[in-house]
Amino acid sequence: MRTASIRIRKAGASLKAVHAGFLSAWNSGKYKGEHFDFESPAALFRVLTSKRWELIECLQNTGPLAVRALARALGRDVKRVHDDASAMVEIGMVEKAEDGKLVVPFDEIRADFVMKSAA
């Protein structure tokens, strides 16, 4: 099963977490999932907008779709869907299948947001 985790981590903490995760996977030989780390909620929401989240949800529910079919399913303009899909392909949350259709390669996507009190 392929999983993705979306996390908010401070820049230095993110690098340490990536390093620790790599070493853990390397030493155990086990798949640990894929991580999409952001330094702040604002950074996350600049990349993963509500329209892009809808795009991911649609692909999760329907399976692979061509851009035009995805635009029809979402009730959106083809160019805008193409732009959003390209952004998601660029970061790795969406992939292009061999036939050119868009697909979310993850069986499960998890979001991890922790906010701690300063006191």
Foldseek 3Di string as FASTA:
>chain_A
DAEEEEEAAAPVVVVVVVVVVVVVCVVVVDDPHHYHYHPDPVRVCVLCPPVLVVLQVVCLVPPWDALVVSCVVVVHDSVVSVVSLVSCVVVPQWHQDPVRTIHRPGNYYHYDYDDDDPD
